[in-house]
C-alpha atoms as a PDB file:
ATOM      1  CA  MET A   1      26.842  18.772 -14.375  1.00  0.00           C
ATOM      2  CA  ASN A   2      26.511  20.156 -17.714  1.00  0.00           C
ATOM      3  CA  PRO A   3      23.255  20.863 -18.419  1.00  0.00           C
ATOM      4  CA  CYS A   4      23.512  21.060 -22.108  1.00  0.00           C
ATOM      5  CA  CYS A   5      23.081  16.752 -21.920  1.00  0.00           C
ATOM      6  CA  GLY A   6      20.211  16.911 -20.153  1.00  0.00           C
ATOM      7  CA  GLN A   7      21.291  16.049 -16.549  1.00  0.00           C
ATOM      8  CA  ALA A   8      20.140  17.218 -13.256  1.00  0.00           C
ATOM      9  CA  SER A   9      22.120  18.340 -10.864  1.00  0.00           C
ATOM     10  CA  ALA A  10      22.393  16.262  -7.491  1.00  0.00           C
ATOM     11  CA  ALA A  11      20.945  19.565  -5.911  1.00  0.00           C
ATOM     12  CA  SER A  12      18.284  19.608  -8.285  1.00  0.00           C
ATOM     13  CA  PHE A  13      17.537  16.173  -8.108  1.00  0.00           C
ATOM     14  CA  TYR A  14      16.873  16.059  -4.836  1.00  0.00           C
ATOM     15  CA  LEU A  15      14.995  19.154  -4.490  1.00  0.00           C
ATOM     16  CA  TRP A  16      12.501  18.471  -7.185  1.00  0.00           C
ATOM     17  CA  GLY A  17      12.666  14.724  -5.604  1.00  0.00           C
ATOM     18  CA  ARG A  18      11.649  16.003  -2.310  1.00  0.00           C
ATOM     19  CA  ILE A  19       8.394  18.530  -3.505  1.00  0.00           C
ATOM     20  CA  VAL A  20       7.479  15.144  -5.004  1.00  0.00           C
ATOM     21  CA  ILE A  21       7.143  13.269  -2.139  1.00  0.00           C
ATOM     22  CA  ALA A  22       5.998  15.875  -0.286  1.00  0.00           C
ATOM     23  CA  LEU A  23       2.804  16.302  -2.362  1.00  0.00           C
ATOM     24  CA  ILE A  24       2.245  12.575  -3.389  1.00  0.00           C
ATOM     25  CA  GLY A  25       2.154  12.723   0.614  1.00  0.00           C
ATOM     26  CA  ALA A  26      -0.636  15.062   1.117  1.00  0.00           C
ATOM     27  CA  ALA A  27      -2.449  13.299  -1.495  1.00  0.00           C
ATOM     28  CA  THR A  28      -2.358  10.332   0.116  1.00  0.00           C
ATOM     29  CA  VAL A  29      -4.684  11.906   3.002  1.00  0.00           C
ATOM     30  CA  LEU A  30      -6.894  12.764   0.857  1.00  0.00           C
ATOM     31  CA  VAL A  31      -7.154   9.621  -0.850  1.00  0.00           C
ATOM     32  CA  VAL A  32      -7.768   8.300   2.942  1.00  0.00           C
ATOM     33  CA  TYR A  33     -10.306  10.962   3.201  1.00  0.00           C
ATOM     34  CA  GLN A  34     -11.747   9.468   0.480  1.00  0.00           C
ATOM     35  CA  ILE A  35     -11.657   5.731   1.761  1.00  0.00           C
ATOM     36  CA  GLY A  36     -13.138   6.639   5.399  1.00  0.00           C
ATOM     37  CA  MET A  37     -16.459   8.556   3.636  1.00  0.00           C
ATOM     38  CA  ARG A  38     -17.079   5.032   2.898  1.00  0.00           C
ATOM     39  CA  TRP A  39     -17.590   4.574   6.462  1.00  0.00           C
ATOM     40  CA  GLY A  40     -19.387   8.028   6.695  1.00  0.00           C
ATOM     41  CA  ALA A  41     -18.354  11.831   7.287  1.00  0.00           C
ATOM     42  CA  ARG A  42     -16.652  11.758  10.767  1.00  0.00           C
ATOM     43  CA  HIS A  43     -14.363   8.999   9.654  1.00  0.00           C
ATOM     44  CA  ALA A  44     -13.188  10.623   6.798  1.00  0.00           C
ATOM     45  CA  LEU A  45     -12.110  13.463   8.647  1.00  0.00           C
ATOM     46  CA  LEU A  46     -11.048  11.068  11.729  1.00  0.00           C
ATOM     47  CA  GLY A  47      -8.752   8.936   9.144  1.00  0.00           C
ATOM     48  CA  ALA A  48      -7.549  12.079   7.074  1.00  0.00           C
ATOM     49  CA  GLY A  49      -6.797  14.092  10.361  1.00  0.00           C
ATOM     50  CA  LEU A  50      -4.691  11.213  11.201  1.00  0.00           C
ATOM     51  CA  MET A  51      -2.353  10.008   7.995  1.00  0.00           C
ATOM     52  CA  ALA A  52      -2.002  14.059   7.770  1.00  0.00           C
ATOM     53  CA  VAL A  53      -0.041  14.320  11.425  1.00  0.00           C
ATOM     54  CA  LEU A  54       0.890  10.548  12.002  1.00  0.00           C
ATOM     55  CA  PRO A  55       4.839  10.863  12.624  1.00  0.00           C
ATOM     56  CA  LEU A  56       5.952   8.131  10.168  1.00  0.00           C
ATOM     57  CA  HIS A  57       3.859   9.417   7.502  1.00  0.00           C
ATOM     58  CA  VAL A  58       5.166  13.083   8.317  1.00  0.00           C
ATOM     59  CA  ARG A  59       8.644  12.566   9.076  1.00  0.00           C
ATOM     60  CA  TYR A  60       9.000  10.464   5.031  1.00  0.00           C
ATOM     61  CA  SER A  61       7.265  12.843   3.351  1.00  0.00           C
ATOM     62  CA  HIS A  62      10.310  14.621   3.603  1.00  0.00           C
ATOM     63  CA  PHE A  63      12.934  12.299   1.724  1.00  0.00           C
ATOM     64  CA  VAL A  64      13.507  10.597  -1.275  1.00  0.00           C
ATOM     65  CA  LEU A  65      12.179   7.380  -0.758  1.00  0.00           C
ATOM     66  CA  THR A  66      10.247   4.864  -2.180  1.00  0.00           C
ATOM     67  CA  ASP A  67       8.416   4.494   0.509  1.00  0.00           C
ATOM     68  CA  THR A  68       5.920   7.302   0.622  1.00  0.00           C
ATOM     69  CA  PRO A  69       5.101   6.842  -3.466  1.00  0.00           C
ATOM     70  CA  LEU A  70       3.905   3.260  -2.233  1.00  0.00           C
ATOM     71  CA  THR A  71       1.943   4.266   0.657  1.00  0.00           C
ATOM     72  CA  PHE A  72       0.047   6.368  -2.450  1.00  0.00           C
ATOM     73  CA  PHE A  73      -0.389   3.816  -4.005  1.00  0.00           C
ATOM     74  CA  VAL A  74      -1.718   1.030  -1.396  1.00  0.00           C
ATOM     75  CA  ALA A  75      -4.178   2.903  -0.429  1.00  0.00           C
ATOM     76  CA  LEU A  76      -5.331   4.249  -4.138  1.00  0.00           C
ATOM     77  CA  THR A  77      -5.408   0.521  -3.870  1.00  0.00           C
ATOM     78  CA  PHE A  78      -7.934   0.060  -1.474  1.00  0.00           C
ATOM     79  CA  LEU A  79     -10.318   3.147  -2.592  1.00  0.00           C
ATOM     80  CA  LEU A  80     -10.606   1.662  -5.942  1.00  0.00           C
ATOM     81  CA  SER A  81     -11.289  -1.972  -5.042  1.00  0.00           C
ATOM     82  CA  LEU A  82     -13.890  -0.200  -2.112  1.00  0.00           C
ATOM     83  CA  ILE A  83     -15.278   1.945  -5.935  1.00  0.00           C
ATOM     84  CA  ALA A  84     -14.978  -1.894  -7.984  1.00  0.00           C
ATOM     85  CA  HIS A  85     -16.993  -3.282  -5.391  1.00  0.00           C
ATOM     86  CA  GLU A  86     -19.834  -0.820  -5.305  1.00  0.00           C
ATOM     87  CA  ARG A  87     -19.809  -0.236  -9.156  1.00  0.00           C
ATOM     88  CA  GLY A  88     -19.080  -4.063  -9.905  1.00  0.00           C
ATOM     89  CA  THR A  89     -17.909  -3.471 -13.250  1.00  0.00           C
ATOM     90  CA  LEU A  90     -15.335  -5.446 -15.036  1.00  0.00           C
ATOM     91  CA  GLY A  91     -13.443  -1.872 -15.805  1.00  0.00           C
ATOM     92  CA  THR A  92     -13.544  -0.602 -12.605  1.00  0.00           C
ATOM     93  CA  PHE A  93     -11.870  -3.786 -11.082  1.00  0.00           C
ATOM     94  CA  ALA A  94      -9.237  -4.059 -13.551  1.00  0.00           C
ATOM     95  CA  VAL A  95      -8.488   0.050 -12.531  1.00  0.00           C
ATOM     96  CA  ALA A  96      -8.439  -0.987  -8.759  1.00  0.00           C
ATOM     97  CA  GLY A  97      -5.574  -3.992  -9.844  1.00  0.00           C
ATOM     98  CA  ALA A  98      -3.610  -1.599 -12.146  1.00  0.00           C
ATOM     99  CA  ALA A  99      -3.794   0.514  -9.208  1.00  0.00           C
ATOM    100  CA  SER A 100      -1.994  -2.353  -7.160  1.00  0.00           C
ATOM    101  CA  GLY A 101       0.437  -2.940 -10.482  1.00  0.00           C
ATOM    102  CA  LEU A 102       1.753   0.812  -9.675  1.00  0.00           C
ATOM    103  CA  ALA A 103       2.022  -0.262  -6.291  1.00  0.00           C
ATOM    104  CA  ALA A 104       4.144  -3.304  -7.183  1.00  0.00           C
ATOM    105  CA  ALA A 105       6.370  -1.482  -9.359  1.00  0.00           C
ATOM    106  CA  THR A 106       6.516   1.101  -6.987  1.00  0.00           C
ATOM    107  CA  LYS A 107       8.110  -1.643  -4.328  1.00  0.00           C
ATOM    108  CA  TYR A 108       7.734  -5.697  -5.103  1.00  0.00           C
ATOM    109  CA  ASN A 109       6.315  -6.083  -1.576  1.00  0.00           C
ATOM    110  CA  GLY A 110       4.108  -3.323  -2.793  1.00  0.00           C
ATOM    111  CA  GLY A 111       1.743  -6.335  -4.858  1.00  0.00           C
ATOM    112  CA  ILE A 112       0.112  -8.023  -1.790  1.00  0.00           C
ATOM    113  CA  ALA A 113      -2.337  -4.712  -2.241  1.00  0.00           C
ATOM    114  CA  LEU A 114      -3.933  -7.049  -5.069  1.00  0.00           C
ATOM    115  CA  LEU A 115      -5.169  -9.106  -2.339  1.00  0.00           C
ATOM    116  CA  MET A 116      -7.458  -6.446  -2.427  1.00  0.00           C
ATOM    117  CA  PRO A 117      -9.255  -5.933  -5.325  1.00  0.00           C
ATOM    118  CA  VAL A 118      -9.785  -9.365  -5.696  1.00  0.00           C
ATOM    119  CA  ILE A 119     -10.924  -9.590  -1.992  1.00  0.00           C
ATOM    120  CA  ALA A 120     -13.837  -7.198  -3.263  1.00  0.00           C
ATOM    121  CA  CYS A 121     -14.095  -8.938  -6.503  1.00  0.00           C
ATOM    122  CA  TRP A 122     -14.898 -12.248  -4.926  1.00  0.00           C
ATOM    123  CA  MET A 123     -17.532 -11.051  -2.501  1.00  0.00           C
ATOM    124  CA  THR A 124     -19.143  -8.315  -4.963  1.00  0.00           C
ATOM    125  CA  TYR A 125     -22.858 -10.177  -5.911  1.00  0.00           C
ATOM    126  CA  PRO A 126     -23.733 -10.022  -8.497  1.00  0.00           C
ATOM    127  CA  LEU A 127     -21.163  -9.452 -10.696  1.00  0.00           C
ATOM    128  CA  ALA A 128     -22.274  -9.093 -14.566  1.00  0.00           C
ATOM    129  CA  PRO A 129     -18.786 -10.526 -16.344  1.00  0.00           C
ATOM    130  CA  GLY A 130     -18.490 -13.539 -13.714  1.00  0.00           C
ATOM    131  CA  ARG A 131     -16.665 -13.905 -10.781  1.00  0.00           C
ATOM    132  CA  LEU A 132     -13.569 -16.201 -12.464  1.00  0.00           C
ATOM    133  CA  LYS A 133     -13.686 -13.541 -15.741  1.00  0.00           C
ATOM    134  CA  THR A 134     -13.618 -10.389 -13.450  1.00  0.00           C
ATOM    135  CA  VAL A 135     -10.503 -11.520 -11.300  1.00  0.00           C
ATOM    136  CA  LEU A 136      -8.802 -12.288 -14.294  1.00  0.00           C
ATOM    137  CA  ALA A 137      -8.936  -9.212 -15.934  1.00  0.00           C
ATOM    138  CA  THR A 138      -7.709  -7.628 -12.039  1.00  0.00           C
ATOM    139  CA  ILE A 139      -4.791 -10.028 -12.473  1.00  0.00           C
ATOM    140  CA  ALA A 140      -3.868  -8.942 -15.767  1.00  0.00           C
ATOM    141  CA  ALA A 141      -4.551  -5.228 -15.279  1.00  0.00           C
ATOM    142  CA  SER A 142      -2.004  -5.546 -12.340  1.00  0.00           C
ATOM    143  CA  ALA A 143       0.630  -6.905 -14.569  1.00  0.00           C
ATOM    144  CA  GLY A 144       0.519  -4.500 -16.970  1.00  0.00           C
ATOM    145  CA  ALA A 145       0.676  -1.299 -14.322  1.00  0.00           C
ATOM    146  CA  PHE A 146       3.517  -3.199 -13.612  1.00  0.00           C
ATOM    147  CA  LEU A 147       5.158  -3.653 -16.480  1.00  0.00           C
ATOM    148  CA  LEU A 148       3.952  -0.597 -17.578  1.00  0.00           C
ATOM    149  CA  LEU A 149       6.304   1.184 -14.751  1.00  0.00           C
ATOM    150  CA  ALA A 150       9.088  -1.221 -14.250  1.00  0.00           C
ATOM    151  CA  PRO A 151       9.806  -2.298 -17.926  1.00  0.00           C
ATOM    152  CA  TYR A 152      13.311  -3.492 -17.733  1.00  0.00           C
ATOM    153  CA  THR A 153      11.739  -7.083 -15.376  1.00  0.00           C
ATOM    154  CA  ILE A 154      10.557  -8.570 -18.729  1.00  0.00           C
ATOM    155  CA  LEU A 155      13.359  -6.087 -21.292  1.00  0.00           C
ATOM    156  CA  ASP A 156      16.674  -7.157 -19.254  1.00  0.00           C
ATOM    157  CA  LEU A 157      14.961 -10.108 -17.321  1.00  0.00           C
ATOM    158  CA  PRO A 158      18.731 -12.262 -16.332  1.00  0.00           C
ATOM    159  CA  ALA A 159      19.696  -9.136 -14.600  1.00  0.00           C
ATOM    160  CA  PHE A 160      16.287  -8.899 -13.068  1.00  0.00           C
ATOM    161  CA  LEU A 161      15.898 -12.304 -11.916  1.00  0.00           C
ATOM    162  CA  ASP A 162      19.653 -11.720 -10.777  1.00  0.00           C
ATOM    163  CA  SER A 163      18.831  -8.790  -8.742  1.00  0.00           C
ATOM    164  CA  PHE A 164      16.123 -10.060  -6.540  1.00  0.00           C
ATOM    165  CA  ALA A 165      17.346 -13.643  -6.086  1.00  0.00           C
ATOM    166  CA  ARG A 166      20.670 -11.659  -4.380  1.00  0.00           C
ATOM    167  CA  LEU A 167      18.043  -8.850  -2.647  1.00  0.00           C
ATOM    168  CA  ALA A 168      15.816 -11.718  -1.672  1.00  0.00           C
ATOM    169  CA  HIS A 169      19.023 -13.329   0.370  1.00  0.00           C
ATOM    170  CA  GLN A 170      19.861 -10.249   1.784  1.00  0.00           C
ATOM    171  CA  TYR A 171      16.147 -10.130   3.318  1.00  0.00           C
ATOM    172  CA  ARG A 172      16.240 -13.853   4.806  1.00  0.00           C
ATOM    173  CA  SER A 173      20.242 -13.824   5.777  1.00  0.00           C
ATOM    174  CA  ALA A 174      20.223 -10.767   7.738  1.00  0.00           C
ATOM    175  CA  ALA A 175      20.945 -11.234  11.603  1.00  0.00           C
ATOM    176  CA  ILE A 176      18.111  -9.768  13.969  1.00  0.00           C
ATOM    177  CA  GLY A 177      18.642 -11.095  17.964  1.00  0.00           C
ATOM    178  CA  GLU A 178      15.050 -10.015  18.272  1.00  0.00           C
ATOM    179  CA  SER A 179      11.535 -11.400  17.530  1.00  0.00           C
ATOM    180  CA  LEU A 180      10.875  -9.750  14.365  1.00  0.00           C
ATOM    181  CA  TRP A 181       6.861  -9.474  15.529  1.00  0.00           C
ATOM    182  CA  THR A 182       7.773  -7.322  19.113  1.00  0.00           C
ATOM    183  CA  LEU A 183      10.272  -5.489  16.868  1.00  0.00           C
ATOM    184  CA  TYR A 184       7.705  -4.299  14.206  1.00  0.00           C
ATOM    185  CA  PHE A 185       5.199  -3.749  17.184  1.00  0.00           C
ATOM    186  CA  LYS A 186       7.570  -1.579  19.008  1.00  0.00           C
ATOM    187  CA  TYR A 187       8.191   0.549  16.048  1.00  0.00           C
ATOM    188  CA  LEU A 188       4.414   1.063  15.478  1.00  0.00           C
ATOM    189  CA  VAL A 189       4.414   2.478  18.824  1.00  0.00           C
ATOM    190  CA  ARG A 190       7.230   4.200  19.223  1.00  0.00           C
ATOM    191  CA  HIS A 191       7.770   6.043  15.209  1.00  0.00           C
ATOM    192  CA  ALA A 192       4.125   4.941  13.351  1.00  0.00           C
ATOM    193  CA  PHE A 193       1.701   5.907  15.345  1.00  0.00           C
ATOM    194  CA  GLY A 194       2.008   6.726  19.441  1.00  0.00           C
ATOM    195  CA  TRP A 195      -0.049   5.023  21.990  1.00  0.00           C
ATOM    196  CA  PRO A 196      -3.355   6.954  21.251  1.00  0.00           C
ATOM    197  CA  ALA A 197      -3.114   6.508  17.437  1.00  0.00           C
ATOM    198  CA  MET A 198      -2.201   2.748  18.558  1.00  0.00           C
ATOM    199  CA  LEU A 199      -5.540   2.243  20.456  1.00  0.00           C
ATOM    200  CA  LEU A 200      -7.378   3.260  17.772  1.00  0.00           C
ATOM    201  CA  ALA A 201      -5.579   1.315  15.659  1.00  0.00           C
ATOM    202  CA  PHE A 202      -6.357  -1.805  17.292  1.00  0.00           C
ATOM    203  CA  GLY A 203     -10.126  -0.662  18.348  1.00  0.00           C
ATOM    204  CA  GLY A 204     -10.969  -0.294  14.947  1.00  0.00           C
ATOM    205  CA  MET A 205      -9.012  -3.684  13.814  1.00  0.00           C
ATOM    206  CA  GLY A 206     -11.181  -5.704  16.771  1.00  0.00           C
ATOM    207  CA  LEU A 207     -14.569  -3.751  15.334  1.00  0.00           C
ATOM    208  CA  GLY A 208     -13.407  -4.657  11.476  1.00  0.00           C
ATOM    209  CA  PHE A 209     -13.303  -8.857  13.447  1.00  0.00           C
ATOM    210  CA  VAL A 210     -17.023  -8.351  14.702  1.00  0.00           C
ATOM    211  CA  ARG A 211     -18.192  -6.666  11.303  1.00  0.00           C
ATOM    212  CA  LEU A 212     -16.647  -9.531   8.931  1.00  0.00           C
ATOM    213  CA  ILE A 213     -18.487 -11.779  11.218  1.00  0.00           C
ATOM    214  CA  ARG A 214     -21.886  -9.813  11.965  1.00  0.00           C
ATOM    215  CA  GLY A 215     -22.295  -7.492   9.347  1.00  0.00           C
ATOM    216  CA  PRO A 216     -22.627  -4.729   7.918  1.00  0.00           C
ATOM    217  CA  GLY A 217     -20.438  -3.809   5.455  1.00  0.00           C
ATOM    218  CA  ARG A 218     -18.270  -6.592   4.992  1.00  0.00           C
ATOM    219  CA  VAL A 219     -16.281  -6.138   2.198  1.00  0.00           C
ATOM    220  CA  ARG A 220     -15.462  -2.813   3.106  1.00  0.00           C
ATOM    221  CA  TRP A 221     -14.403  -4.717   6.362  1.00  0.00           C
ATOM    222  CA  MET A 222     -12.621  -7.773   4.929  1.00  0.00           C
ATOM    223  CA  LEU A 223     -10.222  -5.057   2.633  1.00  0.00           C
ATOM    224  CA  ALA A 224      -9.086  -2.983   6.370  1.00  0.00           C
ATOM    225  CA  VAL A 225      -8.354  -5.903   8.102  1.00  0.00           C
ATOM    226  CA  VAL A 226      -6.714  -8.396   5.544  1.00  0.00           C
ATOM    227  CA  PHE A 227      -4.239  -6.081   3.605  1.00  0.00           C
ATOM    228  CA  PRO A 228      -2.198  -5.163   7.039  1.00  0.00           C
ATOM    229  CA  VAL A 229      -2.369  -8.617   8.952  1.00  0.00           C
ATOM    230  CA  VAL A 230      -1.183  -9.838   5.779  1.00  0.00           C
ATOM    231  CA  TYR A 231       1.254  -6.693   4.823  1.00  0.00           C
ATOM    232  CA  TYR A 232       2.493  -7.550   8.997  1.00  0.00           C
ATOM    233  CA  MET A 233       2.917 -11.367   8.478  1.00  0.00           C
ATOM    234  CA  MET A 234       5.038 -10.590   5.693  1.00  0.00           C
ATOM    235  CA  LEU A 235       7.215  -7.758   7.111  1.00  0.00           C
ATOM    236  CA  THR A 236       7.758 -10.434   9.823  1.00  0.00           C
ATOM    237  CA  THR A 237       9.435 -12.710   7.545  1.00  0.00           C
ATOM    238  CA  GLN A 238      12.164 -10.019   5.870  1.00  0.00           C
ATOM    239  CA  LYS A 239      15.038  -9.303   8.214  1.00  0.00           C
ATOM    240  CA  ILE A 240      16.471  -6.277   6.801  1.00  0.00           C
ATOM    241  CA  VAL A 241      14.453  -4.035   9.595  1.00  0.00           C
ATOM    242  CA  PHE A 242      13.041  -0.032   9.096  1.00  0.00           C
ATOM    243  CA  ALA A 243      10.676   1.389  10.639  1.00  0.00           C
ATOM    244  CA  ARG A 244       9.539   3.166   7.224  1.00  0.00           C
ATOM    245  CA  TYR A 245       9.125  -0.795   5.852  1.00  0.00           C
ATOM    246  CA  LEU A 246       5.477  -0.079   8.390  1.00  0.00           C
ATOM    247  CA  LEU A 247       4.431   3.133   6.009  1.00  0.00           C
ATOM    248  CA  PRO A 248       1.702   0.809   4.167  1.00  0.00           C
ATOM    249  CA  LEU A 249      -0.438  -0.019   7.024  1.00  0.00           C
ATOM    250  CA  THR A 250      -1.170   3.165   7.743  1.00  0.00           C
ATOM    251  CA  PRO A 251      -3.992   3.528   5.376  1.00  0.00           C
ATOM    252  CA  SER A 252      -5.623   1.139   6.784  1.00  0.00           C
END
């Protein structure tokens, strides 16, 4: 391509794209460490160490795809939701909401991350601005961040709606010969975690459900449990299947 036109060559695009994705993948490990610190230093080291070597995360930190940035923004939303719960201010919840909007703008299914700041807000007491006001501010911040990164959602609304409808139809009409619940479970074991990490994940989920009932730390456990469950359920309704779609589950 002609450099005077301000266009990057294909080689340059993929080189710098892969560098950026690799840096985002590394940054995700740091975010997971900060999340783990809400449970303790040992938990933080274990979580970050696993994130750094998980096959699925390592593999897709090599490629110019949206899944690794999506995973970063989901993890960032998780961390900022925990911080918002600790501080209990409208501003911190709005920032967490904005992170979920960035996740949605990266890839539409990232919008599920909005559950985390909303749940954290509703479970935080006392909350000086009021729960409803804070939830609305969180949702507004999420929408604002989404439109900032994906402005043509509004600027070219008809084209967006047409394209989204076609994409949704493709994801719901593809033929699958096996239950998506079992298929994605196999992907989790074979590609995402492996059995050792999978057993740790199941143990953590089980402990999370116990802590939701008995405490302590109900809010942080609620966020750690609800997002992966809801996200996994969403995946099982989409009939175009790739192992990399599981990547946003890994920080939880």
